[in-house]
Amino acid sequence: MEESTMEHALREHFHRFLEAGAYCTPPGRAACALENARTLARFREMEEEGLVRLRQEEERESYFDVYGKPDSKREEEGITSQIEREGCWIIISEYLDEATDTWQWADSIGMCIYPNPLDPFQNEYLPGLMRAACEQAARAQLTFITG
């Protein structure tokens, strides 16, 4: 039996989440990776339909104002260098409210310092943000349809 596009994507996402680890730690690593893979596949489908999206904005607050300065100068220089290289971002997940045709906030996380902050295999917060957008979009769609 031939594998569907969705099954193929799920399998690939699952293996990448297993490899990336992130918050998927034993003993529930496989279950977590599978949940993240399903979320990513669902998000991508809804994104193609124009119902959900992720955005990144430059963080307005200072990393050190929020977390304080590290104990060592070397660690502070390392963080500063990483921020200069990769930036410090707020990631926002949104869903389309079809009743008003406007984008609505679903969830967000700040102080993201990653080479690619919108890559769910690098930024372990993204599956949760994606899940929130999908859930809110589904609720908004149901409300729009049922009035």
C-alpha atoms as a PDB file:
ATOM      1  CA  MET A   1       0.000   0.000   0.000  1.00  0.00           C
ATOM      2  CA  GLU A   2       1.353   3.406  -0.972  1.00  0.00           C
ATOM      3  CA  GLU A   3       2.008   5.985   1.725  1.00  0.00           C
ATOM      4  CA  SER A   4       0.007   9.229   1.491  1.00  0.00           C
ATOM      5  CA  THR A   5       1.676  12.639   1.434  1.00  0.00           C
ATOM      6  CA  MET A   6       0.369  13.303   4.956  1.00  0.00           C
ATOM      7  CA  GLU A   7       1.693   9.978   6.271  1.00  0.00           C
ATOM      8  CA  HIS A   8       5.053  10.662   4.675  1.00  0.00           C
ATOM      9  CA  ALA A   9       5.217  14.145   6.221  1.00  0.00           C
ATOM     10  CA  LEU A  10       4.220  12.761   9.633  1.00  0.00           C
ATOM     11  CA  ARG A  11       6.924  10.102   9.455  1.00  0.00           C
ATOM     12  CA  GLU A  12       9.576  12.638   8.461  1.00  0.00           C
ATOM     13  CA  HIS A  13       8.506  15.157  11.129  1.00  0.00           C
ATOM     14  CA  PHE A  14       8.419  12.422  13.773  1.00  0.00           C
ATOM     15  CA  HIS A  15      11.978  11.301  13.052  1.00  0.00           C
ATOM     16  CA  ARG A  16      13.274  14.883  12.969  1.00  0.00           C
ATOM     17  CA  PHE A  17      11.631  15.679  16.321  1.00  0.00           C
ATOM     18  CA  LEU A  18      13.122  12.489  17.785  1.00  0.00           C
ATOM     19  CA  GLU A  19      16.570  13.544  16.577  1.00  0.00           C
ATOM     20  CA  ALA A  20      16.179  17.163  17.708  1.00  0.00           C
ATOM     21  CA  GLY A  21      15.152  16.112  21.203  1.00  0.00           C
ATOM     22  CA  ALA A  22      14.194  19.533  22.586  1.00  0.00           C
ATOM     23  CA  TYR A  23      11.507  19.085  25.201  1.00  0.00           C
ATOM     24  CA  CYS A  24      10.907  15.515  24.074  1.00  0.00           C
ATOM     25  CA  THR A  25      12.875  13.680  26.727  1.00  0.00           C
ATOM     26  CA  PRO A  26      12.566  10.109  28.029  1.00  0.00           C
ATOM     27  CA  PRO A  27      10.382   8.386  29.050  1.00  0.00           C
ATOM     28  CA  GLY A  28       7.801  10.086  26.811  1.00  0.00           C
ATOM     29  CA  ARG A  29      10.130  11.093  23.989  1.00  0.00           C
ATOM     30  CA  ALA A  30       8.420   9.124  21.215  1.00  0.00           C
ATOM     31  CA  ALA A  31       4.925  10.244  22.257  1.00  0.00           C
ATOM     32  CA  CYS A  32       6.079  13.865  22.448  1.00  0.00           C
ATOM     33  CA  ALA A  33       7.792  13.660  19.057  1.00  0.00           C
ATOM     34  CA  LEU A  34       4.639  12.137  17.539  1.00  0.00           C
ATOM     35  CA  GLU A  35       2.438  14.864  19.032  1.00  0.00           C
ATOM     36  CA  ASN A  36       4.810  17.535  17.698  1.00  0.00           C
ATOM     37  CA  ALA A  37       4.832  15.871  14.262  1.00  0.00           C
ATOM     38  CA  ARG A  38       1.027  15.815  14.158  1.00  0.00           C
ATOM     39  CA  THR A  39       0.896  19.444  15.252  1.00  0.00           C
ATOM     40  CA  LEU A  40       3.385  20.499  12.582  1.00  0.00           C
ATOM     41  CA  ALA A  41       1.510  18.604   9.855  1.00  0.00           C
ATOM     42  CA  ARG A  42      -1.814  20.116  10.944  1.00  0.00           C
ATOM     43  CA  PHE A  43      -0.289  23.599  11.162  1.00  0.00           C
ATOM     44  CA  ARG A  44       1.215  23.324   7.667  1.00  0.00           C
ATOM     45  CA  GLU A  45      -2.173  22.295   6.223  1.00  0.00           C
ATOM     46  CA  MET A  46      -3.960  25.162   7.940  1.00  0.00           C
ATOM     47  CA  GLU A  47      -1.171  27.542   6.933  1.00  0.00           C
ATOM     48  CA  GLU A  48      -1.659  26.584   3.281  1.00  0.00           C
ATOM     49  CA  GLU A  49      -5.367  27.360   3.709  1.00  0.00           C
ATOM     50  CA  GLY A  50      -4.445  30.799   5.053  1.00  0.00           C
ATOM     51  CA  LEU A  51      -5.878  30.108   8.528  1.00  0.00           C
ATOM     52  CA  VAL A  52      -2.754  30.245  10.719  1.00  0.00           C
ATOM     53  CA  ARG A  53       0.669  31.832  10.610  1.00  0.00           C
ATOM     54  CA  LEU A  54       3.824  32.491  12.593  1.00  0.00           C
ATOM     55  CA  ARG A  55       5.573  35.836  12.723  1.00  0.00           C
ATOM     56  CA  GLN A  56       8.780  36.997  14.296  1.00  0.00           C
ATOM     57  CA  GLU A  57       9.508  40.463  15.597  1.00  0.00           C
ATOM     58  CA  GLU A  58      12.651  41.836  17.081  1.00  0.00           C
ATOM     59  CA  GLU A  59      12.582  41.636  20.881  1.00  0.00           C
ATOM     60  CA  ARG A  60      12.117  45.081  22.395  1.00  0.00           C
ATOM     61  CA  GLU A  61      13.398  44.267  25.872  1.00  0.00           C
ATOM     62  CA  SER A  62      17.012  43.669  26.770  1.00  0.00           C
ATOM     63  CA  TYR A  63      17.851  40.023  27.408  1.00  0.00           C
ATOM     64  CA  PHE A  64      19.879  41.001  30.470  1.00  0.00           C
ATOM     65  CA  ASP A  65      17.106  43.229  31.849  1.00  0.00           C
ATOM     66  CA  VAL A  66      14.802  40.217  31.803  1.00  0.00           C
ATOM     67  CA  TYR A  67      17.188  37.465  32.943  1.00  0.00           C
ATOM     68  CA  GLY A  68      19.877  39.474  34.700  1.00  0.00           C
ATOM     69  CA  LYS A  69      23.572  39.397  33.956  1.00  0.00           C
ATOM     70  CA  PRO A  70      25.346  36.047  34.241  1.00  0.00           C
ATOM     71  CA  ASP A  71      27.888  35.516  36.994  1.00  0.00           C
ATOM     72  CA  SER A  72      30.820  35.358  34.613  1.00  0.00           C
ATOM     73  CA  LYS A  73      31.954  37.949  32.093  1.00  0.00           C
ATOM     74  CA  ARG A  74      32.762  35.139  29.661  1.00  0.00           C
ATOM     75  CA  GLU A  75      29.176  33.836  29.729  1.00  0.00           C
ATOM     76  CA  GLU A  76      27.821  37.384  29.261  1.00  0.00           C
ATOM     77  CA  GLU A  77      30.104  37.896  26.245  1.00  0.00           C
ATOM     78  CA  GLY A  78      28.970  34.558  24.804  1.00  0.00           C
ATOM     79  CA  ILE A  79      25.287  35.493  25.086  1.00  0.00           C
ATOM     80  CA  THR A  80      25.941  38.982  23.703  1.00  0.00           C
ATOM     81  CA  SER A  81      27.829  37.492  20.747  1.00  0.00           C
ATOM     82  CA  GLN A  82      25.029  35.009  20.065  1.00  0.00           C
ATOM     83  CA  ILE A  83      22.396  37.787  20.161  1.00  0.00           C
ATOM     84  CA  GLU A  84      24.484  39.924  17.789  1.00  0.00           C
ATOM     85  CA  ARG A  85      24.847  36.961  15.418  1.00  0.00           C
ATOM     86  CA  GLU A  86      21.293  35.527  15.545  1.00  0.00           C
ATOM     87  CA  GLY A  87      19.123  38.280  16.975  1.00  0.00           C
ATOM     88  CA  CYS A  88      16.676  38.068  19.837  1.00  0.00           C
ATOM     89  CA  TRP A  89      13.098  37.508  18.720  1.00  0.00           C
ATOM     90  CA  ILE A  90       9.478  37.395  19.784  1.00  0.00           C
ATOM     91  CA  ILE A  91       7.623  34.614  17.969  1.00  0.00           C
ATOM     92  CA  ILE A  92       3.884  35.124  17.551  1.00  0.00           C
ATOM     93  CA  SER A  93       1.356  32.548  16.427  1.00  0.00           C
ATOM     94  CA  GLU A  94      -1.839  33.876  14.915  1.00  0.00           C
ATOM     95  CA  TYR A  95      -5.064  32.591  13.436  1.00  0.00           C
ATOM     96  CA  LEU A  96      -7.484  34.151  10.974  1.00  0.00           C
ATOM     97  CA  ASP A  97     -10.814  35.174  12.426  1.00  0.00           C
ATOM     98  CA  GLU A  98     -12.897  34.702   9.293  1.00  0.00           C
ATOM     99  CA  ALA A  99     -15.882  36.546  10.781  1.00  0.00           C
ATOM    100  CA  THR A 100     -13.867  39.781  10.911  1.00  0.00           C
ATOM    101  CA  ASP A 101     -11.183  38.816   8.356  1.00  0.00           C
ATOM    102  CA  THR A 102      -8.459  39.822  10.830  1.00  0.00           C
ATOM    103  CA  TRP A 103      -5.460  38.062  12.283  1.00  0.00           C
ATOM    104  CA  GLN A 104      -5.755  37.344  16.003  1.00  0.00           C
ATOM    105  CA  TRP A 105      -3.056  36.537  18.548  1.00  0.00           C
ATOM    106  CA  ALA A 106      -3.025  32.892  19.657  1.00  0.00           C
ATOM    107  CA  ASP A 107       0.210  32.703  21.669  1.00  0.00           C
ATOM    108  CA  SER A 108       3.746  34.059  21.746  1.00  0.00           C
ATOM    109  CA  ILE A 109       7.170  33.601  23.288  1.00  0.00           C
ATOM    110  CA  GLY A 110       9.942  36.145  23.592  1.00  0.00           C
ATOM    111  CA  MET A 111      13.701  36.035  24.056  1.00  0.00           C
ATOM    112  CA  CYS A 112      14.189  33.468  21.278  1.00  0.00           C
ATOM    113  CA  ILE A 113      17.816  33.299  20.186  1.00  0.00           C
ATOM    114  CA  TYR A 114      18.199  30.751  17.383  1.00  0.00           C
ATOM    115  CA  PRO A 115      19.821  30.709  13.952  1.00  0.00           C
ATOM    116  CA  ASN A 116      16.306  30.213  12.523  1.00  0.00           C
ATOM    117  CA  PRO A 117      13.709  31.055  15.193  1.00  0.00           C
ATOM    118  CA  LEU A 118      10.820  29.864  12.977  1.00  0.00           C
ATOM    119  CA  ASP A 119      12.257  26.350  12.569  1.00  0.00           C
ATOM    120  CA  PRO A 120      10.321  23.972  14.856  1.00  0.00           C
ATOM    121  CA  PHE A 121      13.294  21.609  14.946  1.00  0.00           C
ATOM    122  CA  GLN A 122      15.506  24.369  16.374  1.00  0.00           C
ATOM    123  CA  ASN A 123      13.002  26.323  18.457  1.00  0.00           C
ATOM    124  CA  GLU A 124      11.352  23.872  20.833  1.00  0.00           C
ATOM    125  CA  TYR A 125       8.624  26.394  21.698  1.00  0.00           C
ATOM    126  CA  LEU A 126       7.114  26.374  18.203  1.00  0.00           C
ATOM    127  CA  PRO A 127       5.011  23.200  18.447  1.00  0.00           C
ATOM    128  CA  GLY A 128       3.124  24.731  21.386  1.00  0.00           C
ATOM    129  CA  LEU A 129       2.654  28.015  19.527  1.00  0.00           C
ATOM    130  CA  MET A 130       1.466  26.135  16.446  1.00  0.00           C
ATOM    131  CA  ARG A 131      -0.916  24.030  18.515  1.00  0.00           C
ATOM    132  CA  ALA A 132      -2.452  27.169  20.046  1.00  0.00           C
ATOM    133  CA  ALA A 133      -2.984  28.748  16.613  1.00  0.00           C
ATOM    134  CA  CYS A 134      -4.581  25.584  15.213  1.00  0.00           C
ATOM    135  CA  GLU A 135      -6.928  25.238  18.181  1.00  0.00           C
ATOM    136  CA  GLN A 136      -7.970  28.894  18.035  1.00  0.00           C
ATOM    137  CA  ALA A 137      -8.463  28.734  14.255  1.00  0.00           C
ATOM    138  CA  ALA A 138     -10.654  25.643  14.610  1.00  0.00           C
ATOM    139  CA  ARG A 139     -12.774  27.398  17.271  1.00  0.00           C
ATOM    140  CA  ALA A 140     -13.042  30.558  15.163  1.00  0.00           C
ATOM    141  CA  GLN A 141     -14.005  28.528  12.093  1.00  0.00           C
ATOM    142  CA  LEU A 142     -16.674  26.642  14.018  1.00  0.00           C
ATOM    143  CA  THR A 143     -18.083  29.903  15.373  1.00  0.00           C
ATOM    144  CA  PHE A 144     -18.023  31.435  11.876  1.00  0.00           C
ATOM    145  CA  ILE A 145     -19.818  28.452  10.344  1.00  0.00           C
ATOM    146  CA  THR A 146     -22.432  28.041  13.086  1.00  0.00           C
ATOM    147  CA  GLY A 147     -22.867  31.772  13.624  1.00  0.00           C
END
